[in-house]
Amino acid sequence: MFALAGLAAAALVLFITAIGVTIWLYRSREQRRADGKTNVGWIVFLVIAYLLSISYLAFFILLLVSTFTGESVTVG
């Protein structure tokens, strides 16, 4: 259970980091465009970060629900 809690904490930190990078990219878009820089690397990082963090957080939330209700929770 502690390993799953650690994964959930890491997923939450990754999610918060992805949100911060998204805000930073949005605010600096005009300067980056003027400098001729591309955002391809950041976009790849954000896609991976959002996919990993959301899937782990959803899994952890479903695990918590099934723990407290005593019922098996399935998706789909």
PDB file of N, CA and C in Angstrom:
ATOM      1  N   MET A   1       0.825  -1.198   0.000  1.00  0.00           N
ATOM      2  CA  MET A   1       0.000   0.000   0.000  1.00  0.00           C
ATOM      3  C   MET A   1       0.865   1.256   0.000  1.00  0.00           C
ATOM      4  N   PHE A   2       2.021   1.175   0.711  1.00  0.00           N
ATOM      5  CA  PHE A   2       2.897   2.345   0.739  1.00  0.00           C
ATOM      6  C   PHE A   2       3.503   2.611  -0.635  1.00  0.00           C
ATOM      7  N   ALA A   3       3.765   1.549  -1.385  1.00  0.00           N
ATOM      8  CA  ALA A   3       4.293   1.731  -2.744  1.00  0.00           C
ATOM      9  C   ALA A   3       3.259   2.413  -3.627  1.00  0.00           C
ATOM     10  N   LEU A   4       2.004   2.027  -3.487  1.00  0.00           N
ATOM     11  CA  LEU A   4       0.950   2.674  -4.271  1.00  0.00           C
ATOM     12  C   LEU A   4       0.755   4.123  -3.852  1.00  0.00           C
ATOM     13  N   ALA A   5       0.883   4.388  -2.561  1.00  0.00           N
ATOM     14  CA  ALA A   5       0.783   5.769  -2.091  1.00  0.00           C
ATOM     15  C   ALA A   5       1.947   6.594  -2.637  1.00  0.00           C
ATOM     16  N   GLY A   6       3.120   5.990  -2.725  1.00  0.00           N
ATOM     17  CA  GLY A   6       4.271   6.683  -3.303  1.00  0.00           C
ATOM     18  C   GLY A   6       4.065   6.975  -4.779  1.00  0.00           C
ATOM     19  N   LEU A   7       3.505   6.005  -5.504  1.00  0.00           N
ATOM     20  CA  LEU A   7       3.191   6.239  -6.911  1.00  0.00           C
ATOM     21  C   LEU A   7       2.164   7.344  -7.083  1.00  0.00           C
ATOM     22  N   ALA A   8       1.172   7.357  -6.225  1.00  0.00           N
ATOM     23  CA  ALA A   8       0.154   8.403  -6.301  1.00  0.00           C
ATOM     24  C   ALA A   8       0.760   9.769  -5.995  1.00  0.00           C
ATOM     25  N   ALA A   9       1.652   9.832  -5.015  1.00  0.00           N
ATOM     26  CA  ALA A   9       2.314  11.102  -4.696  1.00  0.00           C
ATOM     27  C   ALA A   9       3.186  11.561  -5.853  1.00  0.00           C
ATOM     28  N   ALA A  10       3.905  10.634  -6.474  1.00  0.00           N
ATOM     29  CA  ALA A  10       4.734  10.987  -7.625  1.00  0.00           C
ATOM     30  C   ALA A  10       3.865  11.452  -8.793  1.00  0.00           C
ATOM     31  N   ALA A  11       2.734  10.795  -9.000  1.00  0.00           N
ATOM     32  CA  ALA A  11       1.819  11.191 -10.071  1.00  0.00           C
ATOM     33  C   ALA A  11       1.251  12.577  -9.808  1.00  0.00           C
ATOM     34  N   LEU A  12       0.959  12.882  -8.549  1.00  0.00           N
ATOM     35  CA  LEU A  12       0.445  14.200  -8.215  1.00  0.00           C
ATOM     36  C   LEU A  12       1.501  15.274  -8.460  1.00  0.00           C
ATOM     37  N   VAL A  13       2.748  15.001  -8.082  1.00  0.00           N
ATOM     38  CA  VAL A  13       3.836  15.956  -8.333  1.00  0.00           C
ATOM     39  C   VAL A  13       4.035  16.141  -9.839  1.00  0.00           C
ATOM     40  N   LEU A  14       3.980  15.055 -10.596  1.00  0.00           N
ATOM     41  CA  LEU A  14       4.114  15.144 -12.052  1.00  0.00           C
ATOM     42  C   LEU A  14       2.978  15.950 -12.659  1.00  0.00           C
ATOM     43  N   PHE A  15       1.772  15.759 -12.163  1.00  0.00           N
ATOM     44  CA  PHE A  15       0.612  16.508 -12.654  1.00  0.00           C
ATOM     45  C   PHE A  15       0.761  18.000 -12.366  1.00  0.00           C
ATOM     46  N   ILE A  16       1.185  18.344 -11.156  1.00  0.00           N
ATOM     47  CA  ILE A  16       1.387  19.755 -10.795  1.00  0.00           C
ATOM     48  C   ILE A  16       2.505  20.365 -11.633  1.00  0.00           C
ATOM     49  N   THR A  17       3.577  19.597 -11.867  1.00  0.00           N
ATOM     50  CA  THR A  17       4.675  20.074 -12.712  1.00  0.00           C
ATOM     51  C   THR A  17       4.196  20.319 -14.137  1.00  0.00           C
ATOM     52  N   ALA A  18       3.397  19.419 -14.663  1.00  0.00           N
ATOM     53  CA  ALA A  18       2.878  19.579 -16.023  1.00  0.00           C
ATOM     54  C   ALA A  18       1.996  20.818 -16.132  1.00  0.00           C
ATOM     55  N   ILE A  19       1.195  21.067 -15.115  1.00  0.00           N
ATOM     56  CA  ILE A  19       0.366  22.276 -15.118  1.00  0.00           C
ATOM     57  C   ILE A  19       1.252  23.518 -15.095  1.00  0.00           C
ATOM     58  N   GLY A  20       2.301  23.498 -14.266  1.00  0.00           N
ATOM     59  CA  GLY A  20       3.229  24.635 -14.199  1.00  0.00           C
ATOM     60  C   GLY A  20       3.938  24.879 -15.521  1.00  0.00           C
ATOM     61  N   VAL A  21       4.379  23.815 -16.182  1.00  0.00           N
ATOM     62  CA  VAL A  21       5.044  23.967 -17.478  1.00  0.00           C
ATOM     63  C   VAL A  21       4.065  24.482 -18.528  1.00  0.00           C
ATOM     64  N   THR A  22       2.832  24.022 -18.476  1.00  0.00           N
ATOM     65  CA  THR A  22       1.811  24.511 -19.407  1.00  0.00           C
ATOM     66  C   THR A  22       1.597  26.004 -19.233  1.00  0.00           C
ATOM     67  N   ILE A  23       1.486  26.458 -18.003  1.00  0.00           N
ATOM     68  CA  ILE A  23       1.297  27.893 -17.734  1.00  0.00           C
ATOM     69  C   ILE A  23       2.513  28.682 -18.191  1.00  0.00           C
ATOM     70  N   TRP A  24       3.722  28.160 -17.897  1.00  0.00           N
ATOM     71  CA  TRP A  24       4.942  28.855 -18.310  1.00  0.00           C
ATOM     72  C   TRP A  24       5.025  28.969 -19.828  1.00  0.00           C
ATOM     73  N   LEU A  25       4.707  27.883 -20.553  1.00  0.00           N
ATOM     74  CA  LEU A  25       4.731  27.933 -22.012  1.00  0.00           C
ATOM     75  C   LEU A  25       3.707  28.922 -22.557  1.00  0.00           C
ATOM     76  N   TYR A  26       2.544  28.967 -21.940  1.00  0.00           N
ATOM     77  CA  TYR A  26       1.505  29.892 -22.394  1.00  0.00           C
ATOM     78  C   TYR A  26       1.940  31.344 -22.193  1.00  0.00           C
ATOM     79  N   ARG A  27       2.533  31.622 -21.048  1.00  0.00           N
ATOM     80  CA  ARG A  27       2.940  33.001 -20.754  1.00  0.00           C
ATOM     81  C   ARG A  27       4.149  33.460 -21.565  1.00  0.00           C
ATOM     82  N   SER A  28       5.022  32.530 -21.933  1.00  0.00           N
ATOM     83  CA  SER A  28       6.230  32.914 -22.662  1.00  0.00           C
ATOM     84  C   SER A  28       6.132  32.627 -24.155  1.00  0.00           C
ATOM     85  N   ARG A  29       4.937  32.404 -24.663  1.00  0.00           N
ATOM     86  CA  ARG A  29       4.795  32.006 -26.062  1.00  0.00           C
ATOM     87  C   ARG A  29       5.245  33.092 -27.028  1.00  0.00           C
ATOM     88  N   GLU A  30       4.954  34.353 -26.748  1.00  0.00           N
ATOM     89  CA  GLU A  30       5.355  35.425 -27.659  1.00  0.00           C
ATOM     90  C   GLU A  30       6.871  35.592 -27.684  1.00  0.00           C
ATOM     91  N   GLN A  31       7.519  35.512 -26.527  1.00  0.00           N
ATOM     92  CA  GLN A  31       8.975  35.637 -26.464  1.00  0.00           C
ATOM     93  C   GLN A  31       9.650  34.455 -27.155  1.00  0.00           C
ATOM     94  N   ARG A  32       9.121  33.263 -26.951  1.00  0.00           N
ATOM     95  CA  ARG A  32       9.702  32.080 -27.595  1.00  0.00           C
ATOM     96  C   ARG A  32       9.517  32.150 -29.107  1.00  0.00           C
ATOM     97  N   ARG A  33       8.382  32.662 -29.542  1.00  0.00           N
ATOM     98  CA  ARG A  33       8.132  32.809 -30.976  1.00  0.00           C
ATOM     99  C   ARG A  33       9.083  33.842 -31.577  1.00  0.00           C
ATOM    100  N   ALA A  34       9.316  34.934 -30.860  1.00  0.00           N
ATOM    101  CA  ALA A  34      10.231  35.973 -31.335  1.00  0.00           C
ATOM    102  C   ALA A  34      11.669  35.454 -31.399  1.00  0.00           C
ATOM    103  N   ASP A  35      12.036  34.575 -30.466  1.00  0.00           N
ATOM    104  CA  ASP A  35      13.382  34.002 -30.456  1.00  0.00           C
ATOM    105  C   ASP A  35      13.532  32.866 -31.464  1.00  0.00           C
ATOM    106  N   GLY A  36      12.449  32.428 -32.072  1.00  0.00           N
ATOM    107  CA  GLY A  36      12.497  31.349 -33.050  1.00  0.00           C
ATOM    108  C   GLY A  36      12.606  29.967 -32.438  1.00  0.00           C
ATOM    109  N   LYS A  37      12.245  29.842 -31.166  1.00  0.00           N
ATOM    110  CA  LYS A  37      12.323  28.545 -30.495  1.00  0.00           C
ATOM    111  C   LYS A  37      11.032  27.762 -30.729  1.00  0.00           C
ATOM    112  N   THR A  38      11.178  26.446 -30.800  1.00  0.00           N
ATOM    113  CA  THR A  38       9.996  25.596 -30.951  1.00  0.00           C
ATOM    114  C   THR A  38       9.661  24.950 -29.611  1.00  0.00           C
ATOM    115  N   ASN A  39       8.442  24.480 -29.493  1.00  0.00           N
ATOM    116  CA  ASN A  39       7.961  23.867 -28.261  1.00  0.00           C
ATOM    117  C   ASN A  39       7.794  22.359 -28.388  1.00  0.00           C
ATOM    118  N   VAL A  40       8.401  21.748 -29.394  1.00  0.00           N
ATOM    119  CA  VAL A  40       8.162  20.331 -29.662  1.00  0.00           C
ATOM    120  C   VAL A  40       8.569  19.463 -28.477  1.00  0.00           C
ATOM    121  N   GLY A  41       9.733  19.705 -27.918  1.00  0.00           N
ATOM    122  CA  GLY A  41      10.189  18.915 -26.778  1.00  0.00           C
ATOM    123  C   GLY A  41       9.291  19.077 -25.570  1.00  0.00           C
ATOM    124  N   TRP A  42       8.860  20.309 -25.329  1.00  0.00           N
ATOM    125  CA  TRP A  42       7.966  20.568 -24.197  1.00  0.00           C
ATOM    126  C   TRP A  42       6.616  19.919 -24.409  1.00  0.00           C
ATOM    127  N   ILE A  43       6.127  19.933 -25.637  1.00  0.00           N
ATOM    128  CA  ILE A  43       4.827  19.332 -25.931  1.00  0.00           C
ATOM    129  C   ILE A  43       4.886  17.818 -25.710  1.00  0.00           C
ATOM    130  N   VAL A  44       5.972  17.188 -26.153  1.00  0.00           N
ATOM    131  CA  VAL A  44       6.133  15.744 -25.939  1.00  0.00           C
ATOM    132  C   VAL A  44       6.175  15.448 -24.444  1.00  0.00           C
ATOM    133  N   PHE A  45       6.938  16.261 -23.690  1.00  0.00           N
ATOM    134  CA  PHE A  45       6.997  16.079 -22.243  1.00  0.00           C
ATOM    135  C   PHE A  45       5.617  16.221 -21.614  1.00  0.00           C
ATOM    136  N   LEU A  46       4.870  17.230 -22.025  1.00  0.00           N
ATOM    137  CA  LEU A  46       3.548  17.464 -21.442  1.00  0.00           C
ATOM    138  C   LEU A  46       2.573  16.335 -21.756  1.00  0.00           C
ATOM    139  N   VAL A  47       2.591  15.830 -22.971  1.00  0.00           N
ATOM    140  CA  VAL A  47       1.687  14.735 -23.325  1.00  0.00           C
ATOM    141  C   VAL A  47       1.981  13.510 -22.464  1.00  0.00           C
ATOM    142  N   ILE A  48       3.264  13.167 -22.358  1.00  0.00           N
ATOM    143  CA  ILE A  48       3.641  12.013 -21.539  1.00  0.00           C
ATOM    144  C   ILE A  48       3.309  12.257 -20.072  1.00  0.00           C
ATOM    145  N   ALA A  49       3.608  13.450 -19.574  1.00  0.00           N
ATOM    146  CA  ALA A  49       3.363  13.759 -18.163  1.00  0.00           C
ATOM    147  C   ALA A  49       1.876  13.702 -17.827  1.00  0.00           C
ATOM    148  N   TYR A  50       1.038  14.290 -18.679  1.00  0.00           N
ATOM    149  CA  TYR A  50      -0.396  14.257 -18.414  1.00  0.00           C
ATOM    150  C   TYR A  50      -0.948  12.831 -18.489  1.00  0.00           C
ATOM    151  N   LEU A  51      -0.525  12.072 -19.486  1.00  0.00           N
ATOM    152  CA  LEU A  51      -1.025  10.702 -19.602  1.00  0.00           C
ATOM    153  C   LEU A  51      -0.621   9.841 -18.409  1.00  0.00           C
ATOM    154  N   LEU A  52       0.641   9.933 -17.998  1.00  0.00           N
ATOM    155  CA  LEU A  52       1.092   9.137 -16.859  1.00  0.00           C
ATOM    156  C   LEU A  52       0.420   9.565 -15.563  1.00  0.00           C
ATOM    157  N   SER A  53       0.382  10.865 -15.319  1.00  0.00           N
ATOM    158  CA  SER A  53      -0.138  11.324 -14.032  1.00  0.00           C
ATOM    159  C   SER A  53      -1.637  11.082 -13.904  1.00  0.00           C
ATOM    160  N   ILE A  54      -2.381  11.318 -14.953  1.00  0.00           N
ATOM    161  CA  ILE A  54      -3.832  11.139 -14.866  1.00  0.00           C
ATOM    162  C   ILE A  54      -4.181   9.659 -14.712  1.00  0.00           C
ATOM    163  N   SER A  55      -3.469   8.782 -15.419  1.00  0.00           N
ATOM    164  CA  SER A  55      -3.792   7.361 -15.293  1.00  0.00           C
ATOM    165  C   SER A  55      -3.469   6.836 -13.896  1.00  0.00           C
ATOM    166  N   TYR A  56      -2.323   7.238 -13.333  1.00  0.00           N
ATOM    167  CA  TYR A  56      -1.984   6.799 -11.979  1.00  0.00           C
ATOM    168  C   TYR A  56      -2.937   7.385 -10.946  1.00  0.00           C
ATOM    169  N   LEU A  57      -3.295   8.653 -11.094  1.00  0.00           N
ATOM    170  CA  LEU A  57      -4.223   9.265 -10.137  1.00  0.00           C
ATOM    171  C   LEU A  57      -5.605   8.614 -10.221  1.00  0.00           C
ATOM    172  N   ALA A  58      -6.058   8.308 -11.414  1.00  0.00           N
ATOM    173  CA  ALA A  58      -7.354   7.631 -11.556  1.00  0.00           C
ATOM    174  C   ALA A  58      -7.309   6.249 -10.918  1.00  0.00           C
ATOM    175  N   PHE A  59      -6.216   5.522 -11.127  1.00  0.00           N
ATOM    176  CA  PHE A  59      -6.072   4.207 -10.510  1.00  0.00           C
ATOM    177  C   PHE A  59      -6.090   4.319  -8.991  1.00  0.00           C
ATOM    178  N   PHE A  60      -5.381   5.289  -8.450  1.00  0.00           N
ATOM    179  CA  PHE A  60      -5.323   5.442  -7.005  1.00  0.00           C
ATOM    180  C   PHE A  60      -6.677   5.844  -6.432  1.00  0.00           C
ATOM    181  N   ILE A  61      -7.404   6.696  -7.115  1.00  0.00           N
ATOM    182  CA  ILE A  61      -8.735   7.095  -6.652  1.00  0.00           C
ATOM    183  C   ILE A  61      -9.671   5.890  -6.661  1.00  0.00           C
ATOM    184  N   LEU A  62      -9.619   5.084  -7.726  1.00  0.00           N
ATOM    185  CA  LEU A  62     -10.444   3.872  -7.770  1.00  0.00           C
ATOM    186  C   LEU A  62     -10.060   2.894  -6.672  1.00  0.00           C
ATOM    187  N   LEU A  63      -8.768   2.806  -6.378  1.00  0.00           N
ATOM    188  CA  LEU A  63      -8.313   1.938  -5.303  1.00  0.00           C
ATOM    189  C   LEU A  63      -8.836   2.430  -3.953  1.00  0.00           C
ATOM    190  N   LEU A  64      -8.806   3.731  -3.726  1.00  0.00           N
ATOM    191  CA  LEU A  64      -9.332   4.287  -2.475  1.00  0.00           C
ATOM    192  C   LEU A  64     -10.828   4.045  -2.345  1.00  0.00           C
ATOM    193  N   VAL A  65     -11.551   4.220  -3.442  1.00  0.00           N
ATOM    194  CA  VAL A  65     -12.995   4.002  -3.406  1.00  0.00           C
ATOM    195  C   VAL A  65     -13.298   2.550  -3.064  1.00  0.00           C
ATOM    196  N   SER A  66     -12.582   1.625  -3.697  1.00  0.00           N
ATOM    197  CA  SER A  66     -12.848   0.222  -3.417  1.00  0.00           C
ATOM    198  C   SER A  66     -12.417  -0.166  -2.002  1.00  0.00           C
ATOM    199  N   THR A  67     -11.398   0.504  -1.462  1.00  0.00           N
ATOM    200  CA  THR A  67     -10.959   0.209  -0.099  1.00  0.00           C
ATOM    201  C   THR A  67     -11.996   0.657   0.923  1.00  0.00           C
ATOM    202  N   PHE A  68     -12.528   1.860   0.735  1.00  0.00           N
ATOM    203  CA  PHE A  68     -13.458   2.394   1.727  1.00  0.00           C
ATOM    204  C   PHE A  68     -14.880   1.854   1.580  1.00  0.00           C
ATOM    205  N   THR A  69     -15.264   1.452   0.384  1.00  0.00           N
ATOM    206  CA  THR A  69     -16.618   0.926   0.210  1.00  0.00           C
ATOM    207  C   THR A  69     -16.670  -0.579   0.334  1.00  0.00           C
ATOM    208  N   GLY A  70     -15.529  -1.240   0.138  1.00  0.00           N
ATOM    209  CA  GLY A  70     -15.499  -2.688   0.222  1.00  0.00           C
ATOM    210  C   GLY A  70     -15.992  -3.375  -1.033  1.00  0.00           C
ATOM    211  N   GLU A  71     -16.314  -2.599  -2.056  1.00  0.00           N
ATOM    212  CA  GLU A  71     -16.793  -3.161  -3.310  1.00  0.00           C
ATOM    213  C   GLU A  71     -15.721  -3.013  -4.384  1.00  0.00           C
ATOM    214  N   SER A  72     -15.749  -3.919  -5.329  1.00  0.00           N
ATOM    215  CA  SER A  72     -14.812  -3.853  -6.448  1.00  0.00           C
ATOM    216  C   SER A  72     -15.285  -2.778  -7.415  1.00  0.00           C
ATOM    217  N   VAL A  73     -14.349  -1.927  -7.794  1.00  0.00           N
ATOM    218  CA  VAL A  73     -14.682  -0.853  -8.727  1.00  0.00           C
ATOM    219  C   VAL A  73     -14.068  -1.189 -10.080  1.00  0.00           C
ATOM    220  N   THR A  74     -14.903  -1.191 -11.111  1.00  0.00           N
ATOM    221  CA  THR A  74     -14.413  -1.454 -12.456  1.00  0.00           C
ATOM    222  C   THR A  74     -14.729  -0.274 -13.345  1.00  0.00           C
ATOM    223  N   VAL A  75     -13.928  -0.117 -14.383  1.00  0.00           N
ATOM    224  CA  VAL A  75     -14.130   0.973 -15.338  1.00  0.00           C
ATOM    225  C   VAL A  75     -14.608   0.357 -16.639  1.00  0.00           C
ATOM    226  N   GLY A  76     -15.687   0.947 -17.171  1.00  0.00           N
ATOM    227  CA  GLY A  76     -16.139   0.478 -18.484  1.00  0.00           C
ATOM    228  C   GLY A  76     -17.446  -0.238 -18.452  1.00  0.00           C
TER     229      GLY A  76
END
